[in-house]
Amino acid sequence: MATRVRASLATILAITMTLALAQRIEAQTSERRASEFTLSNGMQVVVVPDHRAPVVTHMVWYRVGAADEPPGVSGIAHFLEHLMFKSTEKIASGEFSRIVSRMGGQDNAFTSQDATAYFQRIAKDRLAKVMEMEADRMVNLRLTEAEVLTERDVILEERRSRVENNPQAVLDEQMNAVLYYSHPYGIPVIGWEHEIARLTQEDALSFYKRHYAPNNAILVVTGDVTPEEVRRLAEETYGRIPANPEITPRKRPMDPEQRAARRVEIKDPRAGKPSVQRYYVTPSYVTAEPGEAEALDLLMKITGSGATSRLYQKLVATDKLASTAGGWYGGSSMDFGKIAVYAVPADGVSLSKVEAAIDAVLADIVANGVTEAELERAKKAYLAEYIYESDNQATLGLVVGRTVEDIEAWPERISKVTREDIQKVAARYFDPRRSVTGTLLPVPPEGVEQTRTSAPNGRS
């Protein structure tokens, strides 16, 4: 059985709210374009009209992701996402996507730590049909033992090809496992191989019945529609599904204060070049103090984004220590955010020298801050990107607990960030005690693959 071709999270998110919110930003108006309402069964609905083409994007987001899995069944959220393309009483196994394709549309799905989502891009006059189909599989999924076992093999092969055969992916997975003490963000979305291999039909159906319900979902429709049209269709389809009274707010184990820098080293003959990267735990947009997440976004735009960034200019352009260098801030998760910095040494340069250069760049920002010109350039660049890319994070924001008002006020909050705000978050979060540093080293083919983690005193 062939593996489904699944789009990346960034690609799928880019379909959602970009065009409509872009118009609002370009016009520099406070007019709210997104409309929202809630069905009687608790399903939240968001509508973003855009009448420039007779097409719509229809998405159902469930407030459940890999970080909500019971212990011992890692990967079940992602596994169920695959199984959702099996049968119901109305639709034969594998027919969902074929029906969408015959109607001239596209569909896909993805799982993250905090959400699972399904989308269709379709002509406006086919919207009612895809809403009917999506509502059907919300509660009427049927799974045979043979289908579950076959799809489990597909997931195991996906893990082997995307993780086990990719040294960089292995390093990333191991760093995340070390970065979090108790929080489930340390468990990979795809799951640990030994636990995937034990997933059963019962595991999938139990997770499905526990989390897939209208009062645990957000419907987002963007495109050539009005809120009134979507409300009528939503009530005729999703509105007929009863709420699940067992749905409760998510509760996850939280990490204690981070007190020690950690390191992970992987040696692998398949690694093309050595590299070094570091993750710092930060708050997310949901958990940050007012203004902090925006300041972190701009901090990392200045520090690590593109050829004008501090890291690239110092390590690559000026000192010729690295062939590439950069960094980013990810703040869209529910419980924690993350800062990342990375570099690939130039030929003949040691990893330790490159790591020291990274440290020097970060220390300079902590000590001296950024310039006004850097901050203004970062704001303009970020708002331009927001028009075409970043505003699609709006839907994910709703899933993790943010509001439409909060999301639509983001450009205004970004514009208010000061140099002092940047320096403050740099000093607070460029803290080695909040970090994991990972190194990837190529070794001769006869070398033994080695993964090592250690505390600052060097003990494994």
Protein backbone atom coordinates (compact mmCIF):
# COMPACT_ATOMS: atom_id res chain seq x y z
CA MET A 1 0.00 0.00 0.00
CA ALA A 2 1.45 3.35 -0.98
CA THR A 3 2.10 6.04 1.59
CA ARG A 4 -0.17 9.08 1.28
CA VAL A 5 1.58 12.14 -0.08
CA ARG A 6 1.26 14.54 2.81
CA ALA A 7 2.02 18.24 2.62
CA SER A 8 4.22 19.94 5.20
CA LEU A 9 2.66 21.86 8.05
CA ALA A 10 3.93 25.16 6.68
CA THR A 11 2.47 24.45 3.23
CA ILE A 12 -0.94 23.53 4.57
CA LEU A 13 -1.10 26.44 6.97
CA ALA A 14 -0.27 28.78 4.09
CA ILE A 15 -3.59 27.95 2.50
CA THR A 16 -5.78 29.16 5.33
CA MET A 17 -6.07 32.85 6.18
CA THR A 18 -3.39 34.58 4.12
CA LEU A 19 -5.31 36.46 1.44
CA ALA A 20 -8.04 37.98 3.58
CA LEU A 21 -5.78 39.09 6.40
CA ALA A 22 -3.30 40.45 3.87
CA GLN A 23 -5.90 42.86 2.57
CA ARG A 24 -6.49 44.13 6.10
CA ILE A 25 -2.79 44.72 6.75
CA GLU A 26 -2.18 46.40 3.42
CA ALA A 27 -5.08 48.75 4.04
CA GLN A 28 -3.73 49.44 7.56
CA THR A 29 -7.21 49.32 8.95
CA SER A 30 -8.48 47.87 12.20
CA GLU A 31 -11.52 46.39 10.48
CA ARG A 32 -12.00 42.81 11.56
CA ARG A 33 -12.40 40.46 8.58
CA ALA A 34 -12.76 37.13 10.36
CA SER A 35 -16.21 36.26 11.68
CA GLU A 36 -16.77 33.59 14.28
CA PHE A 37 -19.68 31.82 15.90
CA THR A 38 -20.33 28.63 17.83
CA LEU A 39 -22.81 25.89 16.97
CA SER A 40 -25.17 24.59 19.65
CA ASN A 41 -22.99 21.48 20.04
CA GLY A 42 -19.93 23.57 20.90
CA MET A 43 -18.14 23.55 17.54
CA GLN A 44 -16.33 26.83 16.92
CA VAL A 45 -16.60 28.23 13.38
CA VAL A 46 -14.39 30.92 11.82
CA VAL A 47 -15.14 32.42 8.40
CA VAL A 48 -12.75 34.62 6.42
CA PRO A 49 -14.38 35.87 3.18
CA ASP A 50 -12.31 36.48 0.04
CA HIS A 51 -14.42 36.87 -3.10
CA ARG A 52 -11.67 37.23 -5.68
CA ALA A 53 -12.07 33.64 -6.95
CA PRO A 54 -14.94 31.11 -6.66
CA VAL A 55 -12.92 28.73 -4.48
CA VAL A 56 -12.86 27.92 -0.78
CA THR A 57 -10.55 26.25 1.69
CA HIS A 58 -12.34 24.14 4.26
CA MET A 59 -10.43 23.02 7.36
CA VAL A 60 -11.37 21.11 10.48
CA TRP A 61 -8.89 21.48 13.32
CA TYR A 62 -9.08 19.18 16.34
CA ARG A 63 -7.74 20.38 19.68
CA VAL A 64 -5.62 17.29 20.08
CA GLY A 65 -2.09 16.51 18.99
CA ALA A 66 0.87 14.34 19.81
CA ALA A 67 1.38 16.03 23.19
CA ASP A 68 -2.06 14.80 24.28
CA GLU A 69 -1.35 11.11 23.80
CA PRO A 70 -1.58 8.67 26.71
CA PRO A 71 1.78 7.32 27.94
CA GLY A 72 3.07 4.35 25.99
CA VAL A 73 1.18 4.96 22.74
CA SER A 74 3.30 7.70 21.19
CA GLY A 75 2.40 8.34 17.56
CA ILE A 76 -1.29 7.48 17.99
CA ALA A 77 -2.47 11.01 17.01
CA HIS A 78 -0.48 10.86 13.76
CA PHE A 79 -1.51 7.23 13.20
CA LEU A 80 -5.20 8.14 13.54
CA GLU A 81 -4.72 10.98 11.06
CA HIS A 82 -3.72 8.36 8.48
CA LEU A 83 -6.57 6.06 9.46
CA MET A 84 -9.13 8.84 9.01
CA PHE A 85 -8.83 8.21 5.26
CA LYS A 86 -10.29 4.73 5.69
CA SER A 87 -14.02 3.97 5.51
CA THR A 88 -17.33 5.04 6.98
CA GLU A 89 -20.73 3.53 6.18
CA LYS A 90 -21.12 6.09 3.39
CA ILE A 91 -17.57 6.21 2.00
CA ALA A 92 -15.40 3.22 1.10
CA SER A 93 -11.84 2.91 2.32
CA GLY A 94 -9.56 5.28 0.43
CA GLU A 95 -12.44 6.95 -1.42
CA PHE A 96 -12.42 10.24 0.51
CA SER A 97 -9.48 11.74 -1.36
CA ARG A 98 -10.59 10.27 -4.67
CA ILE A 99 -13.99 11.95 -4.35
CA VAL A 100 -12.34 15.29 -3.62
CA SER A 101 -10.04 14.81 -6.60
CA ARG A 102 -12.93 13.96 -8.94
CA MET A 103 -14.59 17.22 -7.87
CA GLY A 104 -11.45 19.07 -8.95
CA GLY A 105 -10.20 19.71 -5.44
CA GLN A 106 -7.22 18.90 -3.25
CA ASP A 107 -7.13 17.51 0.26
CA ASN A 108 -4.61 16.64 2.93
CA ALA A 109 -4.02 16.46 6.65
CA PHE A 110 -1.31 16.92 9.26
CA THR A 111 -0.56 16.33 12.91
CA SER A 112 1.45 18.62 15.20
CA GLN A 113 2.13 18.54 18.91
CA ASP A 114 -1.01 20.57 19.62
CA ALA A 115 -3.46 19.93 16.78
CA THR A 116 -4.64 17.58 14.07
CA ALA A 117 -6.16 19.14 10.97
CA TYR A 118 -7.84 18.10 7.73
CA PHE A 119 -8.38 20.39 4.75
CA GLN A 120 -9.90 20.54 1.31
CA ARG A 121 -9.37 23.18 -1.36
CA ILE A 122 -12.46 23.06 -3.55
CA ALA A 123 -14.75 25.04 -5.87
CA LYS A 124 -17.39 26.96 -3.94
CA ASP A 125 -20.28 24.90 -5.28
CA ARG A 126 -18.70 21.72 -3.85
CA LEU A 127 -18.33 23.06 -0.33
CA ALA A 128 -21.51 21.43 0.93
CA LYS A 129 -20.29 18.02 -0.20
CA VAL A 130 -16.92 18.20 1.55
CA MET A 131 -18.58 19.48 4.74
CA GLU A 132 -20.94 16.51 4.62
CA MET A 133 -18.01 14.11 4.13
CA GLU A 134 -15.88 15.64 6.87
CA ALA A 135 -18.78 15.62 9.32
CA ASP A 136 -19.39 11.96 8.46
CA ARG A 137 -15.88 10.86 9.33
CA MET A 138 -15.87 12.94 12.51
CA VAL A 139 -18.06 10.28 14.16
CA ASN A 140 -18.55 7.35 11.77
CA LEU A 141 -15.03 6.07 11.11
CA ARG A 142 -14.80 2.30 10.65
CA LEU A 143 -11.50 0.45 11.02
CA THR A 144 -10.71 -3.18 10.30
CA GLU A 145 -7.81 -4.98 11.94
CA ALA A 146 -6.20 -5.54 8.54
CA GLU A 147 -6.37 -1.81 7.67
CA VAL A 148 -4.82 -0.85 10.99
CA LEU A 149 -1.95 -3.31 10.67
CA THR A 150 -1.24 -2.29 7.08
CA GLU A 151 -1.23 1.40 7.93
CA ARG A 152 0.96 0.75 10.94
CA ASP A 153 3.57 -0.69 8.59
CA VAL A 154 3.25 2.46 6.48
CA ILE A 155 3.95 4.64 9.54
CA LEU A 156 6.95 2.53 10.53
CA GLU A 157 8.38 2.89 7.03
CA GLU A 158 7.71 6.64 7.16
CA ARG A 159 9.67 6.85 10.39
CA ARG A 160 12.54 4.83 8.95
CA SER A 161 12.77 6.97 5.83
CA ARG A 162 12.28 10.37 7.46
CA VAL A 163 14.07 9.88 10.78
CA GLU A 164 16.20 6.76 11.03
CA ASN A 165 17.83 7.34 7.63
CA ASN A 166 18.42 11.05 8.29
CA PRO A 167 21.17 11.83 10.84
CA GLN A 168 20.00 15.44 11.16
CA ALA A 169 16.48 14.26 12.00
CA VAL A 170 17.89 11.86 14.59
CA LEU A 171 19.85 14.72 16.17
CA ASP A 172 16.78 16.95 16.25
CA GLU A 173 14.70 14.18 17.85
CA GLN A 174 17.33 13.48 20.50
CA MET A 175 17.76 17.18 21.30
CA ASN A 176 14.03 17.60 21.84
CA ALA A 177 13.97 14.55 24.08
CA VAL A 178 16.67 16.17 26.24
CA LEU A 179 15.27 19.71 26.08
CA TYR A 180 12.10 18.86 28.02
CA TYR A 181 12.17 17.18 31.42
CA SER A 182 8.55 16.06 31.82
CA HIS A 183 6.59 17.80 29.11
CA PRO A 184 5.44 15.62 26.16
CA TYR A 185 6.95 17.99 23.58
CA GLY A 186 10.02 15.82 24.09
CA ILE A 187 8.25 12.92 22.38
CA PRO A 188 8.30 13.02 18.55
CA VAL A 189 5.01 13.58 16.74
CA ILE A 190 5.52 10.46 14.65
CA GLY A 191 6.17 8.47 17.84
CA TRP A 192 8.94 6.22 19.10
CA GLU A 193 9.48 3.21 16.86
CA HIS A 194 8.99 0.57 19.55
CA GLU A 195 5.68 2.13 20.59
CA ILE A 196 4.41 2.57 17.02
CA ALA A 197 5.04 -1.14 16.46
CA ARG A 198 2.58 -1.98 19.26
CA LEU A 199 -0.28 0.35 18.24
CA THR A 200 -3.58 -1.48 17.82
CA GLN A 201 -7.06 -1.04 16.40
CA GLU A 202 -8.30 -0.57 19.96
CA ASP A 203 -5.73 2.20 20.60
CA ALA A 204 -6.84 4.06 17.47
CA LEU A 205 -10.58 3.78 18.11
CA SER A 206 -10.20 4.72 21.76
CA PHE A 207 -8.24 7.87 20.87
CA TYR A 208 -10.76 8.69 18.12
CA LYS A 209 -13.81 8.36 20.36
CA ARG A 210 -12.14 10.35 23.13
CA HIS A 211 -11.02 13.36 21.10
CA TYR A 212 -12.93 13.61 17.80
CA ALA A 213 -16.11 15.55 18.50
CA PRO A 214 -17.61 18.87 17.41
CA ASN A 215 -16.97 20.48 20.80
CA ASN A 216 -13.28 19.66 20.41
CA ALA A 217 -12.97 21.10 16.89
CA ILE A 218 -12.70 24.38 15.03
CA LEU A 219 -14.10 24.73 11.53
CA VAL A 220 -12.35 27.35 9.40
CA VAL A 221 -13.68 28.30 5.97
CA THR A 222 -11.86 30.87 3.86
CA GLY A 223 -12.65 32.06 0.36
CA ASP A 224 -15.73 32.94 -1.70
CA VAL A 225 -18.29 32.56 1.09
CA THR A 226 -20.26 34.65 3.54
CA PRO A 227 -20.65 33.91 7.24
CA GLU A 228 -24.37 33.31 6.65
CA GLU A 229 -23.69 30.66 3.99
CA VAL A 230 -21.20 28.84 6.18
CA ARG A 231 -23.48 28.96 9.22
CA ARG A 232 -26.31 27.32 7.28
CA LEU A 233 -24.09 24.56 5.88
CA ALA A 234 -22.36 24.00 9.23
CA GLU A 235 -25.67 23.59 11.03
CA GLU A 236 -26.89 21.14 8.38
CA THR A 237 -23.77 18.96 8.68
CA TYR A 238 -21.69 19.36 11.83
CA GLY A 239 -24.61 20.79 13.80
CA ARG A 240 -26.38 17.42 13.77
CA ILE A 241 -23.54 15.73 15.67
CA PRO A 242 -24.01 15.67 19.45
CA ALA A 243 -21.33 17.08 21.71
CA ASN A 244 -19.09 14.70 23.63
CA PRO A 245 -19.62 15.46 27.35
CA GLU A 246 -16.27 13.86 28.21
CA ILE A 247 -14.28 16.57 26.43
CA THR A 248 -12.36 18.55 29.04
CA PRO A 249 -9.65 21.25 28.89
CA ARG A 250 -6.21 19.86 28.16
CA LYS A 251 -3.88 19.24 31.08
CA ARG A 252 -0.25 18.32 30.53
CA PRO A 253 2.70 17.77 32.86
CA MET A 254 4.80 20.92 33.00
CA ASP A 255 8.56 21.17 33.30
CA PRO A 256 10.35 22.53 36.36
CA GLU A 257 12.84 25.38 36.06
CA GLN A 258 15.69 24.51 33.74
CA ARG A 259 18.98 24.58 35.63
CA ALA A 260 21.72 23.02 33.51
CA ALA A 261 23.00 23.24 29.96
CA ARG A 262 22.88 19.90 28.16
CA ARG A 263 24.68 18.47 25.15
CA VAL A 264 23.93 15.80 22.57
CA GLU A 265 26.52 14.40 20.16
CA ILE A 266 25.80 12.10 17.22
CA LYS A 267 28.47 10.51 15.06
CA ASP A 268 27.23 9.01 11.82
CA PRO A 269 28.95 8.04 8.55
CA ARG A 270 25.91 9.34 6.65
CA ALA A 271 26.38 12.90 7.92
CA GLY A 272 27.62 14.97 5.00
CA LYS A 273 29.21 17.77 7.01
CA PRO A 274 29.61 18.51 10.70
CA SER A 275 27.12 20.93 12.20
CA VAL A 276 26.22 22.51 15.50
CA GLN A 277 22.83 23.70 16.67
CA ARG A 278 21.28 24.82 19.93
CA TYR A 279 17.71 24.98 21.27
CA TYR A 280 16.58 27.26 24.09
CA VAL A 281 13.24 26.78 25.85
CA THR A 282 11.12 29.95 25.78
CA PRO A 283 7.47 30.84 26.32
CA SER A 284 5.07 30.63 23.40
CA TYR A 285 2.58 33.25 22.25
CA VAL A 286 0.09 31.59 24.58
CA THR A 287 2.28 31.53 27.69
CA ALA A 288 4.52 34.59 27.24
CA GLU A 289 4.18 37.77 29.23
CA PRO A 290 2.63 40.64 27.22
CA GLY A 291 4.98 41.68 24.43
CA GLU A 292 7.57 38.97 25.08
CA ALA A 293 6.71 36.68 22.17
CA GLU A 294 6.70 39.58 19.72
CA ALA A 295 10.09 40.67 21.05
CA LEU A 296 11.41 37.11 20.67
CA ASP A 297 10.16 37.01 17.09
CA LEU A 298 12.00 40.21 16.24
CA LEU A 299 15.08 39.19 18.21
CA MET A 300 15.48 36.08 16.09
CA LYS A 301 14.67 37.92 12.87
CA ILE A 302 17.67 40.14 13.64
CA THR A 303 19.85 37.37 15.04
CA GLY A 304 19.32 34.57 12.58
CA SER A 305 17.05 35.22 9.62
CA GLY A 306 18.74 35.48 6.24
CA ALA A 307 21.94 36.94 4.88
CA THR A 308 21.57 40.22 6.78
CA SER A 309 21.29 38.55 10.18
CA ARG A 310 23.91 38.93 12.88
CA LEU A 311 24.90 35.24 12.79
CA TYR A 312 25.26 35.07 9.01
CA GLN A 313 27.10 38.34 8.71
CA LYS A 314 29.59 37.52 11.46
CA LEU A 315 30.20 33.80 10.90
CA VAL A 316 29.81 33.57 7.12
CA ALA A 317 30.32 36.95 5.47
CA THR A 318 32.96 38.49 7.73
CA ASP A 319 34.94 35.82 9.58
CA LYS A 320 34.50 33.00 7.01
CA LEU A 321 34.05 30.47 9.82
CA ALA A 322 30.87 28.88 8.50
CA SER A 323 29.27 28.02 5.19
CA THR A 324 25.85 28.85 6.64
CA ALA A 325 24.46 30.09 9.94
CA GLY A 326 21.12 31.27 11.24
CA GLY A 327 18.33 30.84 13.73
CA TRP A 328 14.61 31.19 14.41
CA TYR A 329 11.91 31.46 17.07
CA GLY A 330 8.94 29.13 17.10
CA GLY A 331 6.16 30.50 19.28
CA SER A 332 2.98 28.93 17.91
CA SER A 333 2.82 25.98 20.30
CA MET A 334 0.48 25.79 23.26
CA ASP A 335 2.84 25.45 26.22
CA PHE A 336 6.42 26.32 25.24
CA GLY A 337 8.24 28.13 22.48
CA LYS A 338 11.74 27.50 21.23
CA ILE A 339 14.73 29.50 20.00
CA ALA A 340 17.13 27.72 17.66
CA VAL A 341 20.56 28.74 16.36
CA TYR A 342 22.77 26.72 14.03
CA ALA A 343 25.89 26.76 11.86
CA VAL A 344 27.81 24.51 9.48
CA PRO A 345 31.59 25.11 9.74
CA ALA A 346 33.59 26.11 6.70
CA ASP A 347 36.20 23.59 5.54
CA GLY A 348 39.00 23.23 8.08
CA VAL A 349 37.15 25.06 10.88
CA SER A 350 36.38 23.16 14.07
CA LEU A 351 32.94 22.86 15.60
CA SER A 352 34.24 24.31 18.85
CA LYS A 353 35.43 27.46 17.08
CA VAL A 354 32.09 27.92 15.34
CA GLU A 355 30.18 27.34 18.57
CA ALA A 356 32.34 29.94 20.31
CA ALA A 357 31.55 32.40 17.51
CA ILE A 358 27.81 31.77 17.94
CA ASP A 359 28.18 32.41 21.67
CA ALA A 360 30.00 35.68 20.97
CA VAL A 361 27.20 36.95 18.70
CA LEU A 362 24.53 36.13 21.27
CA ALA A 363 26.57 37.65 24.11
CA ASP A 364 27.02 40.89 22.16
CA ILE A 365 23.25 41.22 21.71
CA VAL A 366 22.69 40.58 25.41
CA ALA A 367 25.31 43.18 26.35
CA ASN A 368 24.71 45.85 23.73
CA GLY A 369 21.29 45.18 22.23
CA VAL A 370 20.38 45.80 18.60
CA THR A 371 20.36 48.96 16.55
CA GLU A 372 17.28 51.00 15.69
CA ALA A 373 17.94 50.36 12.01
CA GLU A 374 18.02 46.60 12.59
CA LEU A 375 14.77 46.72 14.53
CA GLU A 376 12.94 48.77 11.92
CA ARG A 377 14.18 46.54 9.11
CA ALA A 378 13.06 43.47 11.04
CA LYS A 379 9.59 44.91 11.64
CA LYS A 380 9.09 45.74 7.97
CA ALA A 381 10.33 42.35 6.87
CA TYR A 382 8.17 40.51 9.38
CA LEU A 383 5.01 42.36 8.43
CA ALA A 384 5.70 41.71 4.74
CA GLU A 385 6.15 37.99 5.48
CA TYR A 386 3.02 38.03 7.60
CA ILE A 387 0.97 39.07 4.60
CA TYR A 388 1.99 36.00 2.63
CA GLU A 389 2.99 33.41 5.24
CA SER A 390 2.88 34.08 8.94
CA ASP A 391 -0.78 35.09 9.18
CA ASN A 392 -1.75 31.52 8.36
CA GLN A 393 -0.67 30.73 11.93
CA ALA A 394 -3.94 32.35 12.97
CA THR A 395 -5.90 29.13 12.84
CA LEU A 396 -3.31 27.23 14.83
CA GLY A 397 -3.45 30.06 17.35
CA LEU A 398 -7.16 29.45 17.85
CA VAL A 399 -6.55 25.75 18.45
CA VAL A 400 -4.07 26.40 21.25
CA GLY A 401 -6.26 28.93 23.02
CA ARG A 402 -5.70 32.34 21.45
CA THR A 403 -8.55 34.52 20.21
CA VAL A 404 -9.31 36.06 16.83
CA GLU A 405 -8.93 39.52 18.38
CA ASP A 406 -5.53 38.64 19.80
CA ILE A 407 -4.30 37.23 16.49
CA GLU A 408 -5.54 40.14 14.40
CA ALA A 409 -3.83 42.62 16.75
CA TRP A 410 -0.43 41.02 16.12
CA PRO A 411 0.86 43.62 13.59
CA GLU A 412 0.07 46.43 16.00
CA ARG A 413 1.89 44.70 18.85
CA ILE A 414 4.92 44.00 16.67
CA SER A 415 5.10 47.69 15.77
CA LYS A 416 5.34 48.62 19.46
CA VAL A 417 8.38 46.46 20.30
CA THR A 418 11.39 48.55 21.35
CA ARG A 419 15.14 47.96 21.43
CA GLU A 420 14.88 47.68 25.21
CA ASP A 421 12.29 44.91 24.82
CA ILE A 422 14.65 43.03 22.50
CA GLN A 423 17.59 43.29 24.86
CA LYS A 424 15.45 42.22 27.81
CA VAL A 425 14.27 38.96 26.21
CA ALA A 426 17.77 38.27 24.88
CA ALA A 427 19.20 38.50 28.39
CA ARG A 428 16.43 36.35 29.79
CA TYR A 429 16.29 33.58 27.20
CA PHE A 430 19.84 33.34 25.76
CA ASP A 431 20.57 31.51 28.99
CA PRO A 432 22.71 28.36 28.64
CA ARG A 433 20.79 26.73 31.49
CA ARG A 434 17.69 26.71 29.25
CA SER A 435 19.51 25.05 26.37
CA VAL A 436 20.55 21.87 24.63
CA THR A 437 23.47 22.01 22.19
CA GLY A 438 23.70 19.32 19.55
CA THR A 439 26.61 18.39 17.31
CA LEU A 440 26.58 16.13 14.27
CA LEU A 441 29.90 14.59 13.22
CA PRO A 442 30.60 12.51 10.12
CA VAL A 443 32.75 9.44 10.80
CA PRO A 444 34.28 6.80 8.52
CA PRO A 445 31.83 4.05 7.47
CA GLU A 446 33.50 1.56 9.77
CA GLY A 447 32.91 3.90 12.75
CA VAL A 448 30.22 2.94 15.21
CA GLU A 449 27.21 5.24 15.32
CA GLN A 450 27.23 6.97 18.69
CA THR A 451 24.77 9.18 20.53
CA ARG A 452 25.99 10.85 23.71
CA THR A 453 24.21 13.18 26.08
CA SER A 454 25.92 14.85 28.98
CA ALA A 455 25.55 17.41 31.70
CA PRO A 456 28.00 20.29 32.08
CA ASN A 457 30.34 18.16 34.21
CA GLY A 458 30.80 15.78 31.30
CA ARG A 459 29.24 12.72 32.89
CA SER A 460 27.02 10.71 30.54
